[in-house]
Amino acid sequence: MSKVLSLKLREDIFKDAESVVKKMHIPRNTYINQAVEFYTKLHRRSLLAKQLAKESKLVAADSMTILKEFEAFTEDYE
């Protein structure tokens, strides 16, 4: 299902987009949909990377403790 939007673009952005649309021979609507989809995926990845970095910091100390325990455990069997 599609949603109808009213969109205001700066003149320079509109002209650049129109130029690309004409060269690609695709409808303006398709171009804008693809652009929004790409931009949304880009930002989702960025947000996910930030979340992963934050959560990694939270468990870093525990990970090092566990690593040291494993190293000590394997040294006992060598």
Protein backbone atom coordinates (compact mmCIF):
# COMPACT_ATOMS: atom_id res chain seq x y z
CA MET A 1 0.00 0.00 0.00
CA SER A 2 1.23 3.49 -0.76
CA LYS A 3 0.87 6.70 1.21
CA VAL A 4 0.39 10.11 -0.35
CA LEU A 5 2.82 12.80 0.80
CA SER A 6 3.26 16.45 0.18
CA LEU A 7 6.96 17.12 -0.27
CA LYS A 8 8.87 20.37 -0.45
CA LEU A 9 12.38 20.19 -1.88
CA ARG A 10 14.93 22.91 -2.21
CA GLU A 11 15.20 24.06 -5.81
CA ASP A 12 18.79 22.78 -6.24
CA ILE A 13 17.91 19.32 -4.90
CA PHE A 14 14.85 19.14 -7.15
CA LYS A 15 16.86 20.08 -10.24
CA ASP A 16 19.57 17.52 -9.47
CA ALA A 17 16.97 14.82 -8.87
CA GLU A 18 15.11 15.69 -12.06
CA SER A 19 18.34 15.48 -14.04
CA VAL A 20 19.05 12.00 -12.69
CA VAL A 21 15.46 10.83 -13.20
CA LYS A 22 15.56 11.86 -16.85
CA LYS A 23 18.89 10.13 -17.46
CA MET A 24 17.75 6.95 -15.74
CA HIS A 25 14.35 6.97 -17.49
CA ILE A 26 12.46 6.21 -14.28
CA PRO A 27 9.49 7.94 -12.66
CA ARG A 28 10.26 10.60 -10.08
CA ASN A 29 8.18 8.68 -7.53
CA THR A 30 10.31 5.55 -8.02
CA TYR A 31 13.48 7.56 -7.62
CA ILE A 32 12.29 9.19 -4.40
CA ASN A 33 11.12 5.85 -3.00
CA GLN A 34 14.51 4.29 -3.75
CA ALA A 35 16.32 7.24 -2.18
CA VAL A 36 14.25 7.11 1.01
CA GLU A 37 14.67 3.33 1.22
CA PHE A 38 18.46 3.63 0.85
CA TYR A 39 18.71 6.47 3.38
CA THR A 40 16.56 4.57 5.88
CA LYS A 41 18.73 1.43 5.58
CA LEU A 42 21.86 3.53 5.99
CA HIS A 43 20.57 5.10 9.19
CA ARG A 44 19.27 1.79 10.57
CA ARG A 45 22.78 0.36 10.17
CA SER A 46 24.27 3.41 11.85
CA LEU A 47 21.87 3.10 14.78
CA LEU A 48 22.59 -0.62 15.04
CA ALA A 49 26.35 0.03 15.05
CA LYS A 50 25.93 2.57 17.85
CA GLN A 51 23.81 0.13 19.84
CA LEU A 52 26.36 -2.65 19.33
CA ALA A 53 29.22 -0.39 20.46
CA LYS A 54 27.26 0.65 23.55
CA GLU A 55 26.40 -2.95 24.47
CA SER A 56 29.95 -4.13 23.78
CA LYS A 57 31.25 -1.57 26.29
CA LEU A 58 28.77 -2.88 28.86
CA VAL A 59 30.05 -6.47 28.61
CA ALA A 60 33.74 -5.79 27.93
CA ALA A 61 34.87 -6.28 31.54
CA ASP A 62 32.91 -9.52 31.89
CA SER A 63 34.32 -10.79 28.60
CA MET A 64 37.88 -10.19 29.78
CA THR A 65 37.18 -11.97 33.08
CA ILE A 66 35.76 -14.98 31.29
CA LEU A 67 38.68 -15.01 28.85
CA LYS A 68 41.16 -15.08 31.74
CA GLU A 69 39.23 -17.93 33.35
CA PHE A 70 39.35 -19.93 30.12
CA GLU A 71 43.07 -19.26 29.75
CA ALA A 72 43.70 -20.43 33.30
CA PHE A 73 41.58 -23.49 32.70
CA THR A 74 43.46 -24.48 29.53
CA GLU A 75 46.86 -23.85 31.18
CA ASP A 76 45.98 -26.45 33.81
CA TYR A 77 45.65 -29.11 31.07
CA GLU A 78 48.81 -28.33 29.12
